[in-house]
Amino acid sequence: MKRKKLLVLLILLCLIILAGAVIVAKPYVNRYFCVGCGDCVKHCPTQAISIVSGKAVIDAELCIDCGLCIKSCNFQAIRKAK
């Protein structure tokens, strides 16, 4: 019985570690630098970016972390979270 509990705990620990490795920091918009030009919206392949109140907003659920928005932003308003 004790071995079974230990095995279950070990499996759970492995799953937690693997889940942590899968979590990727998504790009974010620095609203101070964003001018709302929409270039990032045009380049986003999943339509994860929209302009709200004149600033870009990234939907983390739709974002596939391709980095095209970062490359397309001439104002360096979109950055990779660390």
PDB file of N, CA and C in Angstrom:
ATOM      1  N   MET A   1       0.822  -1.200   0.000  1.00  0.00           N
ATOM      2  CA  MET A   1       0.000   0.000   0.000  1.00  0.00           C
ATOM      3  C   MET A   1       0.866   1.264   0.000  1.00  0.00           C
ATOM      4  N   LYS A   2       1.919   1.240   0.815  1.00  0.00           N
ATOM      5  CA  LYS A   2       2.809   2.382   0.895  1.00  0.00           C
ATOM      6  C   LYS A   2       3.528   2.610  -0.439  1.00  0.00           C
ATOM      7  N   ARG A   3       3.896   1.541  -1.115  1.00  0.00           N
ATOM      8  CA  ARG A   3       4.576   1.640  -2.409  1.00  0.00           C
ATOM      9  C   ARG A   3       3.652   2.245  -3.458  1.00  0.00           C
ATOM     10  N   LYS A   4       2.374   1.882  -3.363  1.00  0.00           N
ATOM     11  CA  LYS A   4       1.396   2.395  -4.316  1.00  0.00           C
ATOM     12  C   LYS A   4       1.244   3.912  -4.154  1.00  0.00           C
ATOM     13  N   LYS A   5       1.166   4.382  -2.924  1.00  0.00           N
ATOM     14  CA  LYS A   5       1.052   5.810  -2.661  1.00  0.00           C
ATOM     15  C   LYS A   5       2.295   6.547  -3.135  1.00  0.00           C
ATOM     16  N   LEU A   6       3.443   5.956  -2.882  1.00  0.00           N
ATOM     17  CA  LEU A   6       4.694   6.563  -3.312  1.00  0.00           C
ATOM     18  C   LEU A   6       4.763   6.659  -4.830  1.00  0.00           C
ATOM     19  N   LEU A   7       4.318   5.622  -5.501  1.00  0.00           N
ATOM     20  CA  LEU A   7       4.313   5.618  -6.963  1.00  0.00           C
ATOM     21  C   LEU A   7       3.369   6.686  -7.502  1.00  0.00           C
ATOM     22  N   VAL A   8       2.204   6.803  -6.912  1.00  0.00           N
ATOM     23  CA  VAL A   8       1.242   7.820  -7.334  1.00  0.00           C
ATOM     24  C   VAL A   8       1.826   9.214  -7.125  1.00  0.00           C
ATOM     25  N   LEU A   9       2.458   9.449  -5.988  1.00  0.00           N
ATOM     26  CA  LEU A   9       3.083  10.744  -5.728  1.00  0.00           C
ATOM     27  C   LEU A   9       4.215  11.041  -6.707  1.00  0.00           C
ATOM     28  N   LEU A  10       4.969  10.044  -7.045  1.00  0.00           N
ATOM     29  CA  LEU A  10       6.055  10.210  -8.007  1.00  0.00           C
ATOM     30  C   LEU A  10       5.508  10.561  -9.389  1.00  0.00           C
ATOM     31  N   ILE A  11       4.458   9.900  -9.781  1.00  0.00           N
ATOM     32  CA  ILE A  11       3.830  10.185 -11.079  1.00  0.00           C
ATOM     33  C   ILE A  11       3.276  11.607 -11.087  1.00  0.00           C
ATOM     34  N   LEU A  12       2.611  12.010 -10.023  1.00  0.00           N
ATOM     35  CA  LEU A  12       2.080  13.367  -9.944  1.00  0.00           C
ATOM     36  C   LEU A  12       3.196  14.406  -9.997  1.00  0.00           C
ATOM     37  N   LEU A  13       4.276  14.147  -9.321  1.00  0.00           N
ATOM     38  CA  LEU A  13       5.409  15.061  -9.344  1.00  0.00           C
ATOM     39  C   LEU A  13       5.969  15.196 -10.756  1.00  0.00           C
ATOM     40  N   CYS A  14       6.101  14.089 -11.448  1.00  0.00           N
ATOM     41  CA  CYS A  14       6.585  14.114 -12.836  1.00  0.00           C
ATOM     42  C   CYS A  14       5.650  14.916 -13.733  1.00  0.00           C
ATOM     43  N   LEU A  15       4.351  14.740 -13.547  1.00  0.00           N
ATOM     44  CA  LEU A  15       3.375  15.477 -14.350  1.00  0.00           C
ATOM     45  C   LEU A  15       3.444  16.974 -14.077  1.00  0.00           C
ATOM     46  N   ILE A  16       3.627  17.334 -12.830  1.00  0.00           N
ATOM     47  CA  ILE A  16       3.750  18.749 -12.479  1.00  0.00           C
ATOM     48  C   ILE A  16       4.999  19.350 -13.111  1.00  0.00           C
ATOM     49  N   ILE A  17       6.089  18.621 -13.062  1.00  0.00           N
ATOM     50  CA  ILE A  17       7.340  19.102 -13.660  1.00  0.00           C
ATOM     51  C   ILE A  17       7.185  19.245 -15.172  1.00  0.00           C
ATOM     52  N   LEU A  18       6.564  18.256 -15.809  1.00  0.00           N
ATOM     53  CA  LEU A  18       6.352  18.325 -17.251  1.00  0.00           C
ATOM     54  C   LEU A  18       5.420  19.465 -17.621  1.00  0.00           C
ATOM     55  N   ALA A  19       4.384  19.678 -16.847  1.00  0.00           N
ATOM     56  CA  ALA A  19       3.450  20.773 -17.116  1.00  0.00           C
ATOM     57  C   ALA A  19       4.166  22.111 -17.017  1.00  0.00           C
ATOM     58  N   GLY A  20       5.050  22.254 -16.066  1.00  0.00           N
ATOM     59  CA  GLY A  20       5.814  23.485 -15.915  1.00  0.00           C
ATOM     60  C   GLY A  20       6.729  23.734 -17.095  1.00  0.00           C
ATOM     61  N   ALA A  21       7.259  22.680 -17.676  1.00  0.00           N
ATOM     62  CA  ALA A  21       8.143  22.808 -18.831  1.00  0.00           C
ATOM     63  C   ALA A  21       7.379  23.206 -20.074  1.00  0.00           C
ATOM     64  N   VAL A  22       6.096  22.899 -20.130  1.00  0.00           N
ATOM     65  CA  VAL A  22       5.274  23.188 -21.293  1.00  0.00           C
ATOM     66  C   VAL A  22       4.793  24.631 -21.285  1.00  0.00           C
ATOM     67  N   ILE A  23       4.671  25.220 -20.109  1.00  0.00           N
ATOM     68  CA  ILE A  23       4.191  26.592 -20.006  1.00  0.00           C
ATOM     69  C   ILE A  23       5.221  27.515 -20.649  1.00  0.00           C
ATOM     70  N   VAL A  24       4.764  28.278 -21.622  1.00  0.00           N
ATOM     71  CA  VAL A  24       5.642  29.170 -22.370  1.00  0.00           C
ATOM     72  C   VAL A  24       5.169  30.607 -22.137  1.00  0.00           C
ATOM     73  N   ALA A  25       6.106  31.480 -21.923  1.00  0.00           N
ATOM     74  CA  ALA A  25       5.757  32.883 -21.744  1.00  0.00           C
ATOM     75  C   ALA A  25       5.345  33.466 -23.092  1.00  0.00           C
ATOM     76  N   LYS A  26       4.150  33.975 -23.163  1.00  0.00           N
ATOM     77  CA  LYS A  26       3.613  34.541 -24.403  1.00  0.00           C
ATOM     78  C   LYS A  26       4.072  35.990 -24.554  1.00  0.00           C
ATOM     79  N   PRO A  27       4.019  36.495 -25.777  1.00  0.00           N
ATOM     80  CA  PRO A  27       4.346  37.904 -25.990  1.00  0.00           C
ATOM     81  C   PRO A  27       3.339  38.802 -25.268  1.00  0.00           C
ATOM     82  N   TYR A  28       3.768  39.983 -24.912  1.00  0.00           N
ATOM     83  CA  TYR A  28       2.869  40.944 -24.271  1.00  0.00           C
ATOM     84  C   TYR A  28       3.055  42.310 -24.917  1.00  0.00           C
ATOM     85  N   VAL A  29       2.063  43.152 -24.755  1.00  0.00           N
ATOM     86  CA  VAL A  29       2.090  44.497 -25.334  1.00  0.00           C
ATOM     87  C   VAL A  29       2.439  45.506 -24.245  1.00  0.00           C
ATOM     88  N   ASN A  30       3.470  46.294 -24.500  1.00  0.00           N
ATOM     89  CA  ASN A  30       3.798  47.418 -23.638  1.00  0.00           C
ATOM     90  C   ASN A  30       2.928  48.580 -24.129  1.00  0.00           C
ATOM     91  N   ARG A  31       1.866  48.866 -23.394  1.00  0.00           N
ATOM     92  CA  ARG A  31       0.880  49.858 -23.821  1.00  0.00           C
ATOM     93  C   ARG A  31       1.473  51.268 -23.948  1.00  0.00           C
ATOM     94  N   TYR A  32       2.565  51.526 -23.275  1.00  0.00           N
ATOM     95  CA  TYR A  32       3.208  52.836 -23.370  1.00  0.00           C
ATOM     96  C   TYR A  32       3.767  53.065 -24.779  1.00  0.00           C
ATOM     97  N   PHE A  33       4.328  52.012 -25.385  1.00  0.00           N
ATOM     98  CA  PHE A  33       4.941  52.132 -26.706  1.00  0.00           C
ATOM     99  C   PHE A  33       3.961  51.876 -27.850  1.00  0.00           C
ATOM    100  N   CYS A  34       2.861  51.194 -27.578  1.00  0.00           N
ATOM    101  CA  CYS A  34       1.909  50.838 -28.638  1.00  0.00           C
ATOM    102  C   CYS A  34       1.180  52.086 -29.139  1.00  0.00           C
ATOM    103  N   VAL A  35       1.168  52.254 -30.473  1.00  0.00           N
ATOM    104  CA  VAL A  35       0.473  53.384 -31.081  1.00  0.00           C
ATOM    105  C   VAL A  35      -0.825  52.942 -31.753  1.00  0.00           C
ATOM    106  N   GLY A  36      -1.119  51.643 -31.699  1.00  0.00           N
ATOM    107  CA  GLY A  36      -2.363  51.139 -32.273  1.00  0.00           C
ATOM    108  C   GLY A  36      -2.393  51.115 -33.788  1.00  0.00           C
ATOM    109  N   CYS A  37      -1.237  50.966 -34.422  1.00  0.00           N
ATOM    110  CA  CYS A  37      -1.170  51.004 -35.887  1.00  0.00           C
ATOM    111  C   CYS A  37      -1.813  49.782 -36.551  1.00  0.00           C
ATOM    112  N   GLY A  38      -1.842  48.651 -35.851  1.00  0.00           N
ATOM    113  CA  GLY A  38      -2.485  47.452 -36.384  1.00  0.00           C
ATOM    114  C   GLY A  38      -1.591  46.538 -37.205  1.00  0.00           C
ATOM    115  N   ASP A  39      -0.319  46.851 -37.320  1.00  0.00           N
ATOM    116  CA  ASP A  39       0.590  45.977 -38.076  1.00  0.00           C
ATOM    117  C   ASP A  39       0.622  44.567 -37.484  1.00  0.00           C
ATOM    118  N   CYS A  40       0.629  44.473 -36.178  1.00  0.00           N
ATOM    119  CA  CYS A  40       0.663  43.163 -35.518  1.00  0.00           C
ATOM    120  C   CYS A  40      -0.615  42.373 -35.807  1.00  0.00           C
ATOM    121  N   VAL A  41      -1.738  43.072 -35.876  1.00  0.00           N
ATOM    122  CA  VAL A  41      -3.023  42.416 -36.174  1.00  0.00           C
ATOM    123  C   VAL A  41      -2.966  41.776 -37.558  1.00  0.00           C
ATOM    124  N   LYS A  42      -2.407  42.507 -38.516  1.00  0.00           N
ATOM    125  CA  LYS A  42      -2.308  42.020 -39.895  1.00  0.00           C
ATOM    126  C   LYS A  42      -1.402  40.799 -40.008  1.00  0.00           C
ATOM    127  N   HIS A  43      -0.365  40.715 -39.185  1.00  0.00           N
ATOM    128  CA  HIS A  43       0.610  39.627 -39.289  1.00  0.00           C
ATOM    129  C   HIS A  43       0.285  38.400 -38.433  1.00  0.00           C
ATOM    130  N   CYS A  44      -0.676  38.513 -37.538  1.00  0.00           N
ATOM    131  CA  CYS A  44      -0.989  37.396 -36.634  1.00  0.00           C
ATOM    132  C   CYS A  44      -1.770  36.312 -37.380  1.00  0.00           C
ATOM    133  N   PRO A  45      -1.213  35.104 -37.481  1.00  0.00           N
ATOM    134  CA  PRO A  45      -1.877  34.033 -38.239  1.00  0.00           C
ATOM    135  C   PRO A  45      -3.112  33.453 -37.547  1.00  0.00           C
ATOM    136  N   THR A  46      -3.271  33.704 -36.257  1.00  0.00           N
ATOM    137  CA  THR A  46      -4.418  33.127 -35.532  1.00  0.00           C
ATOM    138  C   THR A  46      -5.431  34.181 -35.085  1.00  0.00           C
ATOM    139  N   GLN A  47      -5.272  35.418 -35.538  1.00  0.00           N
ATOM    140  CA  GLN A  47      -6.139  36.522 -35.140  1.00  0.00           C
ATOM    141  C   GLN A  47      -6.205  36.661 -33.614  1.00  0.00           C
ATOM    142  N   ALA A  48      -5.070  36.477 -32.964  1.00  0.00           N
ATOM    143  CA  ALA A  48      -5.001  36.572 -31.506  1.00  0.00           C
ATOM    144  C   ALA A  48      -4.855  38.008 -31.026  1.00  0.00           C
ATOM    145  N   ILE A  49      -4.654  38.946 -31.956  1.00  0.00           N
ATOM    146  CA  ILE A  49      -4.429  40.335 -31.570  1.00  0.00           C
ATOM    147  C   ILE A  49      -5.559  41.210 -32.103  1.00  0.00           C
ATOM    148  N   SER A  50      -6.008  42.092 -31.256  1.00  0.00           N
ATOM    149  CA  SER A  50      -7.022  43.064 -31.671  1.00  0.00           C
ATOM    150  C   SER A  50      -6.635  44.423 -31.088  1.00  0.00           C
ATOM    151  N   ILE A  51      -7.233  45.455 -31.633  1.00  0.00           N
ATOM    152  CA  ILE A  51      -6.995  46.807 -31.139  1.00  0.00           C
ATOM    153  C   ILE A  51      -8.180  47.187 -30.256  1.00  0.00           C
ATOM    154  N   VAL A  52      -7.895  47.487 -29.000  1.00  0.00           N
ATOM    155  CA  VAL A  52      -8.918  47.876 -28.027  1.00  0.00           C
ATOM    156  C   VAL A  52      -8.523  49.218 -27.439  1.00  0.00           C
ATOM    157  N   SER A  53      -9.400  50.180 -27.560  1.00  0.00           N
ATOM    158  CA  SER A  53      -9.135  51.545 -27.059  1.00  0.00           C
ATOM    159  C   SER A  53      -7.813  52.086 -27.602  1.00  0.00           C
ATOM    160  N   GLY A  54      -7.521  51.797 -28.864  1.00  0.00           N
ATOM    161  CA  GLY A  54      -6.335  52.337 -29.514  1.00  0.00           C
ATOM    162  C   GLY A  54      -5.034  51.629 -29.212  1.00  0.00           C
ATOM    163  N   LYS A  55      -5.095  50.489 -28.546  1.00  0.00           N
ATOM    164  CA  LYS A  55      -3.879  49.736 -28.204  1.00  0.00           C
ATOM    165  C   LYS A  55      -4.068  48.261 -28.558  1.00  0.00           C
ATOM    166  N   ALA A  56      -2.987  47.584 -28.904  1.00  0.00           N
ATOM    167  CA  ALA A  56      -3.037  46.154 -29.223  1.00  0.00           C
ATOM    168  C   ALA A  56      -3.252  45.337 -27.951  1.00  0.00           C
ATOM    169  N   VAL A  57      -4.053  44.299 -28.086  1.00  0.00           N
ATOM    170  CA  VAL A  57      -4.314  43.368 -26.987  1.00  0.00           C
ATOM    171  C   VAL A  57      -4.142  41.961 -27.543  1.00  0.00           C
ATOM    172  N   ILE A  58      -3.378  41.118 -26.837  1.00  0.00           N
ATOM    173  CA  ILE A  58      -3.116  39.750 -27.285  1.00  0.00           C
ATOM    174  C   ILE A  58      -3.950  38.778 -26.466  1.00  0.00           C
ATOM    175  N   ASP A  59      -4.703  37.937 -27.165  1.00  0.00           N
ATOM    176  CA  ASP A  59      -5.486  36.882 -26.514  1.00  0.00           C
ATOM    177  C   ASP A  59      -4.565  35.680 -26.323  1.00  0.00           C
ATOM    178  N   ALA A  60      -4.177  35.416 -25.095  1.00  0.00           N
ATOM    179  CA  ALA A  60      -3.218  34.347 -24.794  1.00  0.00           C
ATOM    180  C   ALA A  60      -3.747  32.970 -25.191  1.00  0.00           C
ATOM    181  N   GLU A  61      -5.055  32.801 -25.203  1.00  0.00           N
ATOM    182  CA  GLU A  61      -5.642  31.511 -25.585  1.00  0.00           C
ATOM    183  C   GLU A  61      -5.427  31.223 -27.068  1.00  0.00           C
ATOM    184  N   LEU A  62      -5.463  32.259 -27.891  1.00  0.00           N
ATOM    185  CA  LEU A  62      -5.307  32.082 -29.339  1.00  0.00           C
ATOM    186  C   LEU A  62      -3.852  32.172 -29.796  1.00  0.00           C
ATOM    187  N   CYS A  63      -3.012  32.811 -29.005  1.00  0.00           N
ATOM    188  CA  CYS A  63      -1.613  33.018 -29.372  1.00  0.00           C
ATOM    189  C   CYS A  63      -0.862  31.687 -29.438  1.00  0.00           C
ATOM    190  N   ILE A  64      -0.136  31.485 -30.551  1.00  0.00           N
ATOM    191  CA  ILE A  64       0.664  30.262 -30.721  1.00  0.00           C
ATOM    192  C   ILE A  64       2.155  30.556 -30.538  1.00  0.00           C
ATOM    193  N   ASP A  65       2.469  31.758 -30.092  1.00  0.00           N
ATOM    194  CA  ASP A  65       3.850  32.147 -29.787  1.00  0.00           C
ATOM    195  C   ASP A  65       4.774  32.035 -31.000  1.00  0.00           C
ATOM    196  N   CYS A  66       4.292  32.477 -32.145  1.00  0.00           N
ATOM    197  CA  CYS A  66       5.101  32.400 -33.368  1.00  0.00           C
ATOM    198  C   CYS A  66       6.110  33.541 -33.473  1.00  0.00           C
ATOM    199  N   GLY A  67       5.835  34.660 -32.784  1.00  0.00           N
ATOM    200  CA  GLY A  67       6.757  35.785 -32.793  1.00  0.00           C
ATOM    201  C   GLY A  67       6.597  36.749 -33.947  1.00  0.00           C
ATOM    202  N   LEU A  68       5.635  36.505 -34.831  1.00  0.00           N
ATOM    203  CA  LEU A  68       5.451  37.403 -35.973  1.00  0.00           C
ATOM    204  C   LEU A  68       5.029  38.803 -35.537  1.00  0.00           C
ATOM    205  N   CYS A  69       4.272  38.883 -34.459  1.00  0.00           N
ATOM    206  CA  CYS A  69       3.848  40.194 -33.966  1.00  0.00           C
ATOM    207  C   CYS A  69       5.048  40.990 -33.463  1.00  0.00           C
ATOM    208  N   ILE A  70       5.966  40.314 -32.821  1.00  0.00           N
ATOM    209  CA  ILE A  70       7.160  40.988 -32.299  1.00  0.00           C
ATOM    210  C   ILE A  70       7.984  41.540 -33.451  1.00  0.00           C
ATOM    211  N   LYS A  71       8.150  40.738 -34.492  1.00  0.00           N
ATOM    212  CA  LYS A  71       8.935  41.159 -35.655  1.00  0.00           C
ATOM    213  C   LYS A  71       8.256  42.273 -36.437  1.00  0.00           C
ATOM    214  N   SER A  72       6.918  42.276 -36.449  1.00  0.00           N
ATOM    215  CA  SER A  72       6.195  43.260 -37.256  1.00  0.00           C
ATOM    216  C   SER A  72       6.034  44.607 -36.571  1.00  0.00           C
ATOM    217  N   CYS A  73       6.264  44.682 -35.280  1.00  0.00           N
ATOM    218  CA  CYS A  73       6.046  45.926 -34.540  1.00  0.00           C
ATOM    219  C   CYS A  73       7.234  46.873 -34.698  1.00  0.00           C
ATOM    220  N   ASN A  74       7.007  47.963 -35.414  1.00  0.00           N
ATOM    221  CA  ASN A  74       8.061  48.956 -35.644  1.00  0.00           C
ATOM    222  C   ASN A  74       8.345  49.813 -34.412  1.00  0.00           C
ATOM    223  N   PHE A  75       7.472  49.728 -33.418  1.00  0.00           N
ATOM    224  CA  PHE A  75       7.620  50.551 -32.223  1.00  0.00           C
ATOM    225  C   PHE A  75       8.132  49.766 -31.021  1.00  0.00           C
ATOM    226  N   GLN A  76       8.453  48.505 -31.243  1.00  0.00           N
ATOM    227  CA  GLN A  76       8.952  47.603 -30.197  1.00  0.00           C
ATOM    228  C   GLN A  76       8.030  47.559 -28.970  1.00  0.00           C
ATOM    229  N   ALA A  77       6.721  47.597 -29.275  1.00  0.00           N
ATOM    230  CA  ALA A  77       5.738  47.585 -28.209  1.00  0.00           C
ATOM    231  C   ALA A  77       5.371  46.162 -27.795  1.00  0.00           C
ATOM    232  N   ILE A  78       5.682  45.194 -28.645  1.00  0.00           N
ATOM    233  CA  ILE A  78       5.381  43.802 -28.317  1.00  0.00           C
ATOM    234  C   ILE A  78       6.692  43.091 -28.002  1.00  0.00           C
ATOM    235  N   ARG A  79       6.709  42.473 -26.849  1.00  0.00           N
ATOM    236  CA  ARG A  79       7.939  41.843 -26.384  1.00  0.00           C
ATOM    237  C   ARG A  79       7.652  40.454 -25.855  1.00  0.00           C
ATOM    238  N   LYS A  80       8.691  39.692 -25.759  1.00  0.00           N
ATOM    239  CA  LYS A  80       8.605  38.339 -25.191  1.00  0.00           C
ATOM    240  C   LYS A  80       8.703  38.447 -23.690  1.00  0.00           C
ATOM    241  N   ALA A  81       7.737  37.845 -22.988  1.00  0.00           N
ATOM    242  CA  ALA A  81       7.788  37.840 -21.534  1.00  0.00           C
ATOM    243  C   ALA A  81       8.957  36.974 -21.080  1.00  0.00           C
ATOM    244  N   LYS A  82       9.604  37.370 -20.009  1.00  0.00           N
ATOM    245  CA  LYS A  82      10.767  36.627 -19.524  1.00  0.00           C
ATOM    246  C   LYS A  82      10.385  35.702 -18.416  1.00  0.00           C
TER     247      LYS A  82
END
